[in-house]
Amino acid sequence: GCKRSVYAIKYVAKLVDSGYTDSEIGEELQKRYRDVVHKEIDVSRAPSKGPGEARVTLVEFVDYECPHCRTAQSLMRQVLETYPRQVRLCFKHFPLSLHTNSRLAAEAALAAQKQGKFWPYNDKLWANADNLTPAVLEKIAKEVSLDVARWRADMNSDEVKAAVAQDKSDGTALGINSTPAIYINGRKYGGRHDMESISDWVDEELGK
């Protein structure tokens, strides 16, 4: 009667095929199934893609200067293309202190969001992730046809700075210390960053 057990059996088989030892399999099962904690994450102000009534909510905490986050964006696109009606993606900022321009880039993206241009601005940030200087951020604002004067004012506003800080605080409260951090219906995703692994988790949520 436990539908999750079917996915657990498949997971064990996959771990065996990958050469995991008995003790390692036990540890992975513990993390994925026995120590499961569903976290409440506030996404009320987060930019999102996918239907609001989707059965699976995927929350991604990212840093614009993190190379792993940049790579993960193609995976997020694949997930949305594969599950167009079942998955909603919500985006949260988690600028890491070791990255010089990541906080400013997050503030720039939120300022673009205030003009309804978050996603096109976000896409260009990833395309320029190796060089997110203030001049590049403004160049992107012009490229996506923002009201640049308004964008500058919003980027420097207390409201936008507080919103980025709140996202970071939300992530810190979850215990996040690296990016990307992905949550699927409130469960911390612990699989590999490939379509097969993340689909396994999404399918489990849809099938339970």
N, C-alpha and C. Protein backbone atom coordinates (compact mmCIF):
# COMPACT_ATOMS: atom_id res chain seq x y z
N GLY A 1 0.80 -1.23 0.00
CA GLY A 1 0.00 0.00 0.00
C GLY A 1 0.83 1.27 0.00
N CYS A 2 2.16 1.14 0.21
CA CYS A 2 3.03 2.33 0.26
C CYS A 2 3.64 2.54 -1.12
N LYS A 3 3.16 3.56 -1.84
CA LYS A 3 3.66 3.79 -3.20
C LYS A 3 5.13 4.22 -3.21
N ARG A 4 5.56 4.88 -2.14
CA ARG A 4 6.96 5.31 -2.08
C ARG A 4 7.91 4.13 -2.09
N SER A 5 7.46 2.99 -1.55
CA SER A 5 8.34 1.82 -1.48
C SER A 5 8.75 1.35 -2.87
N VAL A 6 7.87 1.52 -3.86
CA VAL A 6 8.20 1.13 -5.23
C VAL A 6 9.38 1.97 -5.73
N TYR A 7 9.34 3.27 -5.46
CA TYR A 7 10.43 4.15 -5.88
C TYR A 7 11.70 3.84 -5.08
N ALA A 8 11.52 3.47 -3.83
CA ALA A 8 12.68 3.13 -3.00
C ALA A 8 13.38 1.89 -3.55
N ILE A 9 12.61 0.89 -3.97
CA ILE A 9 13.19 -0.33 -4.55
C ILE A 9 13.96 0.00 -5.83
N LYS A 10 13.36 0.83 -6.68
CA LYS A 10 14.04 1.24 -7.91
C LYS A 10 15.33 1.99 -7.60
N TYR A 11 15.28 2.82 -6.56
CA TYR A 11 16.46 3.59 -6.15
C TYR A 11 17.58 2.67 -5.68
N VAL A 12 17.22 1.65 -4.88
CA VAL A 12 18.21 0.68 -4.41
C VAL A 12 18.84 -0.03 -5.61
N ALA A 13 18.01 -0.44 -6.57
CA ALA A 13 18.53 -1.14 -7.75
C ALA A 13 19.51 -0.25 -8.52
N LYS A 14 19.18 1.04 -8.62
CA LYS A 14 20.06 1.97 -9.32
C LYS A 14 21.39 2.13 -8.58
N LEU A 15 21.32 2.18 -7.25
CA LEU A 15 22.55 2.32 -6.45
C LEU A 15 23.42 1.07 -6.57
N VAL A 16 22.77 -0.09 -6.59
CA VAL A 16 23.52 -1.35 -6.75
C VAL A 16 24.24 -1.34 -8.10
N ASP A 17 23.51 -0.96 -9.15
CA ASP A 17 24.10 -0.91 -10.49
C ASP A 17 25.26 0.08 -10.57
N SER A 18 25.21 1.11 -9.71
CA SER A 18 26.26 2.12 -9.71
C SER A 18 27.45 1.73 -8.84
N GLY A 19 27.37 0.55 -8.20
CA GLY A 19 28.50 0.06 -7.43
C GLY A 19 28.54 0.48 -5.97
N TYR A 20 27.44 0.97 -5.44
CA TYR A 20 27.39 1.36 -4.04
C TYR A 20 27.49 0.11 -3.15
N THR A 21 28.15 0.25 -2.00
CA THR A 21 28.22 -0.84 -1.04
C THR A 21 26.94 -0.89 -0.22
N ASP A 22 26.76 -1.96 0.54
CA ASP A 22 25.55 -2.09 1.38
C ASP A 22 25.43 -0.91 2.34
N SER A 23 26.54 -0.53 2.98
CA SER A 23 26.48 0.56 3.96
C SER A 23 26.17 1.89 3.28
N GLU A 24 26.73 2.10 2.08
CA GLU A 24 26.45 3.34 1.35
C GLU A 24 24.99 3.39 0.91
N ILE A 25 24.44 2.25 0.49
CA ILE A 25 23.02 2.20 0.12
C ILE A 25 22.15 2.54 1.32
N GLY A 26 22.52 1.99 2.49
CA GLY A 26 21.78 2.29 3.71
C GLY A 26 21.79 3.77 4.04
N GLU A 27 22.95 4.41 3.84
CA GLU A 27 23.07 5.85 4.11
C GLU A 27 22.20 6.66 3.16
N GLU A 28 22.21 6.27 1.88
CA GLU A 28 21.40 7.00 0.89
C GLU A 28 19.91 6.84 1.16
N LEU A 29 19.49 5.63 1.53
CA LEU A 29 18.08 5.41 1.88
C LEU A 29 17.68 6.23 3.10
N GLN A 30 18.59 6.29 4.07
CA GLN A 30 18.32 7.08 5.28
C GLN A 30 18.06 8.53 4.91
N LYS A 31 18.93 9.08 4.05
CA LYS A 31 18.80 10.49 3.67
C LYS A 31 17.54 10.76 2.87
N ARG A 32 17.22 9.84 1.94
CA ARG A 32 16.11 10.12 1.01
C ARG A 32 14.75 9.76 1.57
N TYR A 33 14.68 8.73 2.42
CA TYR A 33 13.37 8.23 2.84
C TYR A 33 13.11 8.23 4.35
N ARG A 34 14.14 8.05 5.15
CA ARG A 34 13.87 7.86 6.58
C ARG A 34 14.04 9.14 7.39
N ASP A 35 14.83 10.07 6.87
CA ASP A 35 15.04 11.33 7.58
C ASP A 35 14.37 12.48 6.84
N VAL A 36 13.29 12.18 6.13
CA VAL A 36 12.64 13.19 5.28
C VAL A 36 11.95 14.26 6.14
N VAL A 37 12.29 15.50 5.86
CA VAL A 37 11.63 16.64 6.49
C VAL A 37 11.13 17.55 5.37
N HIS A 38 9.84 17.82 5.37
CA HIS A 38 9.27 18.72 4.37
C HIS A 38 9.33 20.15 4.91
N LYS A 39 10.02 21.00 4.19
CA LYS A 39 10.21 22.38 4.61
C LYS A 39 9.18 23.29 3.95
N GLU A 40 8.70 24.25 4.71
CA GLU A 40 7.83 25.28 4.16
C GLU A 40 8.71 26.41 3.63
N ILE A 41 8.59 26.72 2.36
CA ILE A 41 9.41 27.76 1.74
C ILE A 41 8.49 28.82 1.16
N ASP A 42 8.70 30.07 1.55
CA ASP A 42 7.87 31.17 1.08
C ASP A 42 8.25 31.52 -0.36
N VAL A 43 7.35 31.26 -1.29
CA VAL A 43 7.60 31.59 -2.70
C VAL A 43 6.58 32.61 -3.20
N SER A 44 5.94 33.31 -2.27
CA SER A 44 4.86 34.22 -2.65
C SER A 44 5.35 35.36 -3.55
N ARG A 45 6.61 35.76 -3.40
CA ARG A 45 7.15 36.85 -4.22
C ARG A 45 8.18 36.36 -5.24
N ALA A 46 8.40 35.06 -5.26
CA ALA A 46 9.44 34.52 -6.13
C ALA A 46 8.98 34.47 -7.58
N PRO A 47 9.85 34.83 -8.52
CA PRO A 47 9.51 34.61 -9.93
C PRO A 47 9.30 33.13 -10.17
N SER A 48 8.34 32.79 -11.01
CA SER A 48 8.05 31.37 -11.22
C SER A 48 7.66 31.10 -12.66
N LYS A 49 7.83 29.84 -13.06
CA LYS A 49 7.39 29.34 -14.35
C LYS A 49 6.59 28.08 -14.11
N GLY A 50 5.55 27.87 -14.92
CA GLY A 50 4.71 26.70 -14.74
C GLY A 50 3.40 27.08 -14.07
N PRO A 51 2.39 26.22 -14.18
CA PRO A 51 1.07 26.54 -13.63
C PRO A 51 1.06 26.62 -12.11
N GLY A 52 0.31 27.58 -11.58
CA GLY A 52 0.21 27.74 -10.14
C GLY A 52 -0.39 26.54 -9.44
N GLU A 53 -1.21 25.77 -10.17
CA GLU A 53 -1.87 24.61 -9.57
C GLU A 53 -1.06 23.32 -9.77
N ALA A 54 0.16 23.43 -10.23
CA ALA A 54 1.01 22.25 -10.47
C ALA A 54 1.14 21.41 -9.20
N ARG A 55 1.17 20.09 -9.37
CA ARG A 55 1.26 19.19 -8.22
C ARG A 55 2.66 19.15 -7.62
N VAL A 56 3.65 19.56 -8.40
CA VAL A 56 5.03 19.57 -7.90
C VAL A 56 5.59 20.99 -7.98
N THR A 57 6.06 21.49 -6.84
CA THR A 57 6.72 22.79 -6.81
C THR A 57 8.21 22.57 -6.59
N LEU A 58 8.98 23.04 -7.53
CA LEU A 58 10.43 22.92 -7.46
C LEU A 58 10.99 24.30 -7.14
N VAL A 59 11.71 24.41 -6.03
CA VAL A 59 12.30 25.68 -5.62
C VAL A 59 13.81 25.59 -5.78
N GLU A 60 14.38 26.56 -6.48
CA GLU A 60 15.82 26.56 -6.76
C GLU A 60 16.45 27.81 -6.13
N PHE A 61 17.43 27.61 -5.23
CA PHE A 61 18.22 28.69 -4.66
C PHE A 61 19.52 28.79 -5.45
N VAL A 62 19.81 29.98 -5.99
CA VAL A 62 20.99 30.10 -6.86
C VAL A 62 21.82 31.34 -6.56
N ASP A 63 23.05 31.29 -7.08
CA ASP A 63 24.00 32.40 -7.07
C ASP A 63 24.42 32.60 -8.53
N TYR A 64 24.30 33.84 -9.02
CA TYR A 64 24.55 34.09 -10.45
C TYR A 64 26.01 33.88 -10.87
N GLU A 65 26.93 33.88 -9.92
CA GLU A 65 28.33 33.65 -10.27
C GLU A 65 28.79 32.22 -9.97
N CYS A 66 27.84 31.36 -9.60
CA CYS A 66 28.16 29.96 -9.32
C CYS A 66 28.12 29.17 -10.63
N PRO A 67 29.24 28.55 -11.04
CA PRO A 67 29.25 27.81 -12.30
C PRO A 67 28.31 26.60 -12.30
N HIS A 68 28.10 25.99 -11.13
CA HIS A 68 27.19 24.84 -11.04
C HIS A 68 25.74 25.30 -11.24
N CYS A 69 25.42 26.49 -10.73
CA CYS A 69 24.07 27.04 -10.94
C CYS A 69 23.84 27.33 -12.42
N ARG A 70 24.86 27.85 -13.07
CA ARG A 70 24.75 28.15 -14.50
C ARG A 70 24.47 26.88 -15.29
N THR A 71 25.18 25.81 -14.97
CA THR A 71 24.98 24.53 -15.65
C THR A 71 23.59 23.98 -15.38
N ALA A 72 23.09 24.20 -14.15
CA ALA A 72 21.80 23.64 -13.76
C ALA A 72 20.62 24.26 -14.51
N GLN A 73 20.82 25.43 -15.12
CA GLN A 73 19.69 26.09 -15.78
C GLN A 73 19.16 25.30 -16.96
N SER A 74 20.02 24.61 -17.69
CA SER A 74 19.54 23.79 -18.80
C SER A 74 18.72 22.62 -18.28
N LEU A 75 19.10 22.11 -17.11
CA LEU A 75 18.32 21.03 -16.48
C LEU A 75 16.95 21.53 -16.07
N MET A 76 16.87 22.73 -15.52
CA MET A 76 15.57 23.30 -15.13
C MET A 76 14.67 23.46 -16.35
N ARG A 77 15.25 23.89 -17.47
CA ARG A 77 14.46 24.02 -18.71
C ARG A 77 13.93 22.66 -19.16
N GLN A 78 14.77 21.64 -19.05
CA GLN A 78 14.35 20.30 -19.43
C GLN A 78 13.19 19.82 -18.57
N VAL A 79 13.27 20.08 -17.28
CA VAL A 79 12.21 19.65 -16.36
C VAL A 79 10.89 20.30 -16.75
N LEU A 80 10.91 21.60 -17.01
CA LEU A 80 9.68 22.30 -17.38
C LEU A 80 9.13 21.83 -18.73
N GLU A 81 10.02 21.52 -19.65
CA GLU A 81 9.57 21.00 -20.95
C GLU A 81 8.98 19.60 -20.83
N THR A 82 9.53 18.80 -19.93
CA THR A 82 9.06 17.42 -19.75
C THR A 82 7.76 17.36 -18.96
N TYR A 83 7.60 18.29 -18.02
CA TYR A 83 6.41 18.31 -17.15
C TYR A 83 5.72 19.68 -17.25
N PRO A 84 5.18 20.03 -18.40
CA PRO A 84 4.66 21.38 -18.59
C PRO A 84 3.46 21.73 -17.72
N ARG A 85 2.69 20.73 -17.32
CA ARG A 85 1.51 20.99 -16.49
C ARG A 85 1.66 20.52 -15.06
N GLN A 86 2.68 19.71 -14.80
CA GLN A 86 2.81 19.10 -13.48
C GLN A 86 3.81 19.81 -12.56
N VAL A 87 4.72 20.62 -13.14
CA VAL A 87 5.79 21.22 -12.34
C VAL A 87 5.77 22.74 -12.44
N ARG A 88 5.94 23.37 -11.31
CA ARG A 88 6.11 24.82 -11.23
C ARG A 88 7.51 25.08 -10.64
N LEU A 89 8.28 25.92 -11.31
CA LEU A 89 9.62 26.27 -10.86
C LEU A 89 9.60 27.64 -10.21
N CYS A 90 10.13 27.73 -8.98
CA CYS A 90 10.23 29.01 -8.27
C CYS A 90 11.70 29.32 -8.02
N PHE A 91 12.05 30.56 -8.20
CA PHE A 91 13.45 31.00 -8.20
C PHE A 91 13.74 31.83 -6.95
N LYS A 92 14.77 31.43 -6.20
CA LYS A 92 15.17 32.17 -4.99
C LYS A 92 16.66 32.52 -5.08
N HIS A 93 17.01 33.69 -4.58
CA HIS A 93 18.39 34.16 -4.64
C HIS A 93 19.17 33.75 -3.39
N PHE A 94 20.39 33.27 -3.62
CA PHE A 94 21.27 32.93 -2.50
C PHE A 94 22.71 33.34 -2.87
N PRO A 95 22.95 34.68 -2.93
CA PRO A 95 24.29 35.14 -3.29
C PRO A 95 25.32 34.76 -2.23
N LEU A 96 26.38 34.11 -2.67
CA LEU A 96 27.43 33.67 -1.77
C LEU A 96 28.44 34.79 -1.54
N SER A 97 28.94 34.88 -0.32
CA SER A 97 29.82 36.00 0.04
C SER A 97 31.14 35.98 -0.73
N LEU A 98 31.58 34.80 -1.19
CA LEU A 98 32.85 34.73 -1.91
C LEU A 98 32.76 35.25 -3.34
N HIS A 99 31.55 35.51 -3.83
CA HIS A 99 31.37 36.01 -5.19
C HIS A 99 31.10 37.51 -5.18
N THR A 100 31.92 38.25 -5.89
CA THR A 100 31.94 39.72 -5.79
C THR A 100 30.65 40.38 -6.25
N ASN A 101 30.11 39.93 -7.38
CA ASN A 101 28.99 40.64 -7.99
C ASN A 101 27.65 39.92 -7.89
N SER A 102 27.60 38.79 -7.19
CA SER A 102 26.37 37.98 -7.21
C SER A 102 25.20 38.69 -6.52
N ARG A 103 25.47 39.39 -5.43
CA ARG A 103 24.37 40.09 -4.75
C ARG A 103 23.84 41.23 -5.63
N LEU A 104 24.74 41.97 -6.24
CA LEU A 104 24.31 43.07 -7.11
C LEU A 104 23.51 42.53 -8.30
N ALA A 105 23.94 41.39 -8.84
CA ALA A 105 23.21 40.78 -9.95
C ALA A 105 21.81 40.36 -9.52
N ALA A 106 21.68 39.82 -8.31
CA ALA A 106 20.37 39.43 -7.79
C ALA A 106 19.47 40.65 -7.64
N GLU A 107 20.03 41.75 -7.13
CA GLU A 107 19.25 42.98 -6.99
C GLU A 107 18.84 43.53 -8.36
N ALA A 108 19.73 43.40 -9.33
CA ALA A 108 19.41 43.85 -10.69
C ALA A 108 18.27 43.03 -11.27
N ALA A 109 18.29 41.71 -11.03
CA ALA A 109 17.23 40.83 -11.54
C ALA A 109 15.89 41.15 -10.89
N LEU A 110 15.90 41.44 -9.58
CA LEU A 110 14.64 41.78 -8.91
C LEU A 110 14.12 43.13 -9.39
N ALA A 111 15.03 44.04 -9.69
CA ALA A 111 14.59 45.33 -10.25
C ALA A 111 13.96 45.12 -11.62
N ALA A 112 14.50 44.19 -12.41
CA ALA A 112 13.89 43.85 -13.70
C ALA A 112 12.53 43.19 -13.49
N GLN A 113 12.39 42.40 -12.44
CA GLN A 113 11.11 41.74 -12.13
C GLN A 113 10.02 42.78 -11.90
N LYS A 114 10.37 43.91 -11.31
CA LYS A 114 9.38 44.95 -11.03
C LYS A 114 8.82 45.56 -12.32
N GLN A 115 9.51 45.32 -13.44
CA GLN A 115 9.00 45.77 -14.73
C GLN A 115 8.51 44.60 -15.58
N GLY A 116 8.32 43.44 -14.94
CA GLY A 116 7.81 42.27 -15.64
C GLY A 116 8.81 41.63 -16.58
N LYS A 117 10.11 41.87 -16.37
CA LYS A 117 11.12 41.36 -17.29
C LYS A 117 12.14 40.45 -16.58
N PHE A 118 11.72 39.79 -15.50
CA PHE A 118 12.70 38.98 -14.76
C PHE A 118 13.33 37.91 -15.64
N TRP A 119 12.51 37.12 -16.34
CA TRP A 119 13.06 35.95 -17.04
C TRP A 119 13.98 36.32 -18.18
N PRO A 120 13.64 37.29 -19.05
CA PRO A 120 14.62 37.67 -20.08
C PRO A 120 15.91 38.24 -19.48
N TYR A 121 15.76 39.00 -18.38
CA TYR A 121 16.96 39.56 -17.73
C TYR A 121 17.78 38.43 -17.11
N ASN A 122 17.10 37.50 -16.47
CA ASN A 122 17.75 36.35 -15.84
C ASN A 122 18.54 35.54 -16.88
N ASP A 123 17.94 35.30 -18.05
CA ASP A 123 18.61 34.52 -19.08
C ASP A 123 19.91 35.19 -19.53
N LYS A 124 19.89 36.50 -19.65
CA LYS A 124 21.09 37.22 -20.08
C LYS A 124 22.14 37.28 -18.96
N LEU A 125 21.70 37.24 -17.72
CA LEU A 125 22.67 37.17 -16.61
C LEU A 125 23.47 35.88 -16.70
N TRP A 126 22.79 34.76 -16.96
CA TRP A 126 23.51 33.49 -17.07
C TRP A 126 24.45 33.51 -18.27
N ALA A 127 24.04 34.14 -19.35
CA ALA A 127 24.89 34.21 -20.54
C ALA A 127 26.14 35.05 -20.30
N ASN A 128 26.08 35.95 -19.31
CA ASN A 128 27.21 36.83 -19.00
C ASN A 128 27.78 36.56 -17.62
N ALA A 129 27.55 35.35 -17.10
CA ALA A 129 27.89 35.05 -15.70
C ALA A 129 29.36 35.21 -15.36
N ASP A 130 30.24 35.21 -16.35
CA ASP A 130 31.67 35.37 -16.09
C ASP A 130 32.07 36.84 -15.95
N ASN A 131 31.13 37.74 -16.18
CA ASN A 131 31.50 39.16 -16.20
C ASN A 131 30.31 40.04 -15.78
N LEU A 132 29.85 39.87 -14.55
CA LEU A 132 28.65 40.58 -14.09
C LEU A 132 29.02 41.90 -13.40
N THR A 133 29.71 42.75 -14.11
CA THR A 133 30.07 44.06 -13.59
C THR A 133 28.86 44.99 -13.64
N PRO A 134 28.87 46.08 -12.88
CA PRO A 134 27.75 47.03 -12.96
C PRO A 134 27.48 47.50 -14.39
N ALA A 135 28.53 47.69 -15.18
CA ALA A 135 28.34 48.15 -16.57
C ALA A 135 27.60 47.08 -17.39
N VAL A 136 27.93 45.83 -17.17
CA VAL A 136 27.27 44.74 -17.90
C VAL A 136 25.82 44.62 -17.46
N LEU A 137 25.57 44.78 -16.17
CA LEU A 137 24.19 44.71 -15.67
C LEU A 137 23.32 45.78 -16.32
N GLU A 138 23.88 46.98 -16.48
CA GLU A 138 23.12 48.05 -17.12
C GLU A 138 22.95 47.79 -18.62
N LYS A 139 23.98 47.23 -19.24
CA LYS A 139 23.89 46.89 -20.66
C LYS A 139 22.76 45.89 -20.89
N ILE A 140 22.63 44.91 -20.00
CA ILE A 140 21.55 43.92 -20.11
C ILE A 140 20.19 44.60 -19.94
N ALA A 141 20.11 45.55 -19.01
CA ALA A 141 18.85 46.28 -18.79
C ALA A 141 18.39 46.96 -20.07
N LYS A 142 19.34 47.53 -20.81
CA LYS A 142 19.00 48.18 -22.08
C LYS A 142 18.59 47.14 -23.12
N GLU A 143 19.29 46.01 -23.14
CA GLU A 143 19.01 44.97 -24.13
C GLU A 143 17.61 44.38 -24.00
N VAL A 144 17.10 44.33 -22.75
CA VAL A 144 15.75 43.76 -22.56
C VAL A 144 14.68 44.86 -22.48
N SER A 145 15.08 46.07 -22.87
CA SER A 145 14.15 47.20 -23.02
C SER A 145 13.52 47.63 -21.70
N LEU A 146 14.31 47.66 -20.63
CA LEU A 146 13.82 48.19 -19.37
C LEU A 146 13.86 49.71 -19.39
N ASP A 147 13.02 50.33 -18.56
CA ASP A 147 13.17 51.75 -18.25
C ASP A 147 14.39 51.83 -17.34
N VAL A 148 15.52 52.21 -17.90
CA VAL A 148 16.79 52.08 -17.18
C VAL A 148 16.85 52.97 -15.94
N ALA A 149 16.32 54.16 -16.03
CA ALA A 149 16.33 55.06 -14.87
C ALA A 149 15.52 54.45 -13.72
N ARG A 150 14.36 53.92 -14.05
CA ARG A 150 13.53 53.26 -13.02
C ARG A 150 14.24 52.02 -12.48
N TRP A 151 14.84 51.24 -13.39
CA TRP A 151 15.57 50.03 -12.99
C TRP A 151 16.70 50.37 -12.01
N ARG A 152 17.48 51.42 -12.31
CA ARG A 152 18.55 51.83 -11.40
C ARG A 152 18.01 52.19 -10.03
N ALA A 153 16.92 52.96 -10.02
CA ALA A 153 16.33 53.38 -8.75
C ALA A 153 15.84 52.17 -7.95
N ASP A 154 15.17 51.24 -8.64
CA ASP A 154 14.67 50.05 -7.96
C ASP A 154 15.81 49.18 -7.43
N MET A 155 16.87 49.05 -8.24
CA MET A 155 17.99 48.21 -7.83
C MET A 155 18.64 48.73 -6.55
N ASN A 156 18.64 50.03 -6.39
CA ASN A 156 19.26 50.65 -5.21
C ASN A 156 18.28 50.89 -4.07
N SER A 157 17.03 50.45 -4.27
CA SER A 157 16.01 50.70 -3.24
C SER A 157 16.14 49.75 -2.06
N ASP A 158 15.68 50.21 -0.91
CA ASP A 158 15.68 49.36 0.29
C ASP A 158 14.80 48.14 0.08
N GLU A 159 13.72 48.30 -0.67
CA GLU A 159 12.78 47.20 -0.91
C GLU A 159 13.46 46.03 -1.61
N VAL A 160 14.17 46.32 -2.68
CA VAL A 160 14.84 45.26 -3.45
C VAL A 160 15.98 44.65 -2.65
N LYS A 161 16.77 45.46 -1.99
CA LYS A 161 17.87 44.93 -1.17
C LYS A 161 17.33 44.03 -0.06
N ALA A 162 16.21 44.43 0.53
CA ALA A 162 15.61 43.62 1.59
C ALA A 162 15.06 42.30 1.04
N ALA A 163 14.54 42.33 -0.18
CA ALA A 163 13.99 41.11 -0.80
C ALA A 163 15.10 40.09 -1.05
N VAL A 164 16.25 40.55 -1.55
CA VAL A 164 17.38 39.64 -1.76
C VAL A 164 17.87 39.10 -0.43
N ALA A 165 17.95 39.98 0.57
CA ALA A 165 18.40 39.55 1.90
C ALA A 165 17.43 38.53 2.50
N GLN A 166 16.13 38.69 2.22
CA GLN A 166 15.14 37.75 2.75
C GLN A 166 15.29 36.38 2.11
N ASP A 167 15.52 36.35 0.79
CA ASP A 167 15.76 35.07 0.12
C ASP A 167 16.97 34.37 0.73
N LYS A 168 18.04 35.13 0.94
CA LYS A 168 19.26 34.56 1.54
C LYS A 168 18.97 34.04 2.94
N SER A 169 18.20 34.81 3.70
CA SER A 169 17.83 34.40 5.06
C SER A 169 16.98 33.14 5.05
N ASP A 170 16.05 33.04 4.07
CA ASP A 170 15.21 31.85 3.94
C ASP A 170 16.09 30.62 3.68
N GLY A 171 17.08 30.79 2.81
CA GLY A 171 17.98 29.69 2.50
C GLY A 171 18.84 29.30 3.69
N THR A 172 19.34 30.30 4.40
CA THR A 172 20.17 30.03 5.57
C THR A 172 19.38 29.26 6.63
N ALA A 173 18.11 29.63 6.80
CA ALA A 173 17.25 28.94 7.77
C ALA A 173 17.04 27.48 7.39
N LEU A 174 17.14 27.16 6.10
CA LEU A 174 17.01 25.78 5.64
C LEU A 174 18.32 25.00 5.79
N GLY A 175 19.39 25.71 6.14
CA GLY A 175 20.69 25.05 6.27
C GLY A 175 21.51 25.06 5.00
N ILE A 176 21.10 25.86 4.02
CA ILE A 176 21.83 25.92 2.75
C ILE A 176 23.17 26.63 2.96
N ASN A 177 24.23 26.05 2.44
CA ASN A 177 25.54 26.71 2.47
C ASN A 177 26.27 26.64 1.14
N SER A 178 25.61 26.08 0.12
CA SER A 178 26.19 26.03 -1.21
C SER A 178 25.06 26.03 -2.23
N THR A 179 25.41 26.33 -3.47
CA THR A 179 24.40 26.41 -4.52
C THR A 179 24.82 25.56 -5.72
N PRO A 180 23.86 25.13 -6.56
CA PRO A 180 22.42 25.32 -6.40
C PRO A 180 21.84 24.40 -5.33
N ALA A 181 20.82 24.87 -4.64
CA ALA A 181 20.07 24.04 -3.68
C ALA A 181 18.65 23.92 -4.21
N ILE A 182 18.18 22.70 -4.36
CA ILE A 182 16.88 22.43 -4.99
C ILE A 182 15.98 21.70 -4.01
N TYR A 183 14.73 22.16 -3.92
CA TYR A 183 13.73 21.51 -3.08
C TYR A 183 12.56 21.10 -3.97
N ILE A 184 12.09 19.88 -3.80
CA ILE A 184 10.97 19.35 -4.57
C ILE A 184 9.83 19.06 -3.61
N ASN A 185 8.77 19.85 -3.69
CA ASN A 185 7.66 19.78 -2.74
C ASN A 185 8.18 19.81 -1.29
N GLY A 186 9.15 20.67 -1.07
CA GLY A 186 9.67 20.87 0.28
C GLY A 186 10.74 19.89 0.71
N ARG A 187 11.03 18.89 -0.13
CA ARG A 187 12.09 17.92 0.20
C ARG A 187 13.39 18.37 -0.44
N LYS A 188 14.49 18.35 0.33
CA LYS A 188 15.79 18.72 -0.22
C LYS A 188 16.22 17.66 -1.23
N TYR A 189 16.47 18.10 -2.47
CA TYR A 189 16.88 17.18 -3.52
C TYR A 189 18.34 16.78 -3.32
N GLY A 190 18.59 15.49 -3.29
CA GLY A 190 19.94 15.01 -3.04
C GLY A 190 20.51 14.18 -4.17
N GLY A 191 19.86 14.19 -5.32
CA GLY A 191 20.34 13.38 -6.44
C GLY A 191 21.33 14.11 -7.32
N ARG A 192 21.78 13.42 -8.35
CA ARG A 192 22.68 14.03 -9.32
C ARG A 192 21.93 15.07 -10.14
N HIS A 193 22.67 16.00 -10.70
CA HIS A 193 22.06 17.04 -11.52
C HIS A 193 21.97 16.58 -12.97
N ASP A 194 21.13 15.57 -13.17
CA ASP A 194 20.84 15.10 -14.53
C ASP A 194 19.36 14.78 -14.60
N MET A 195 18.84 14.68 -15.83
CA MET A 195 17.40 14.55 -16.04
C MET A 195 16.86 13.25 -15.48
N GLU A 196 17.60 12.17 -15.62
CA GLU A 196 17.13 10.88 -15.12
C GLU A 196 16.91 10.92 -13.61
N SER A 197 17.87 11.50 -12.89
CA SER A 197 17.80 11.52 -11.42
C SER A 197 16.68 12.42 -10.92
N ILE A 198 16.58 13.63 -11.51
CA ILE A 198 15.56 14.56 -11.01
C ILE A 198 14.16 14.10 -11.43
N SER A 199 14.05 13.45 -12.60
CA SER A 199 12.76 12.91 -13.02
C SER A 199 12.28 11.83 -12.06
N ASP A 200 13.21 11.06 -11.54
CA ASP A 200 12.86 10.02 -10.58
C ASP A 200 12.17 10.62 -9.36
N TRP A 201 12.70 11.75 -8.88
CA TRP A 201 12.10 12.42 -7.72
C TRP A 201 10.75 13.04 -8.08
N VAL A 202 10.67 13.69 -9.25
CA VAL A 202 9.41 14.31 -9.66
C VAL A 202 8.33 13.23 -9.84
N ASP A 203 8.69 12.14 -10.52
CA ASP A 203 7.72 11.06 -10.74
C ASP A 203 7.24 10.49 -9.41
N GLU A 204 8.13 10.41 -8.44
CA GLU A 204 7.73 9.90 -7.12
C GLU A 204 6.68 10.81 -6.48
N GLU A 205 6.90 12.12 -6.60
CA GLU A 205 5.92 13.07 -6.05
C GLU A 205 4.57 12.96 -6.78
N LEU A 206 4.63 12.77 -8.09
CA LEU A 206 3.39 12.65 -8.87
C LEU A 206 2.68 11.33 -8.60
N GLY A 207 3.45 10.31 -8.26
CA GLY A 207 2.87 8.98 -8.10
C GLY A 207 2.42 8.64 -6.70
N LYS A 208 2.80 9.46 -5.72
CA LYS A 208 2.48 9.08 -4.33
C LYS A 208 1.00 9.27 -4.02
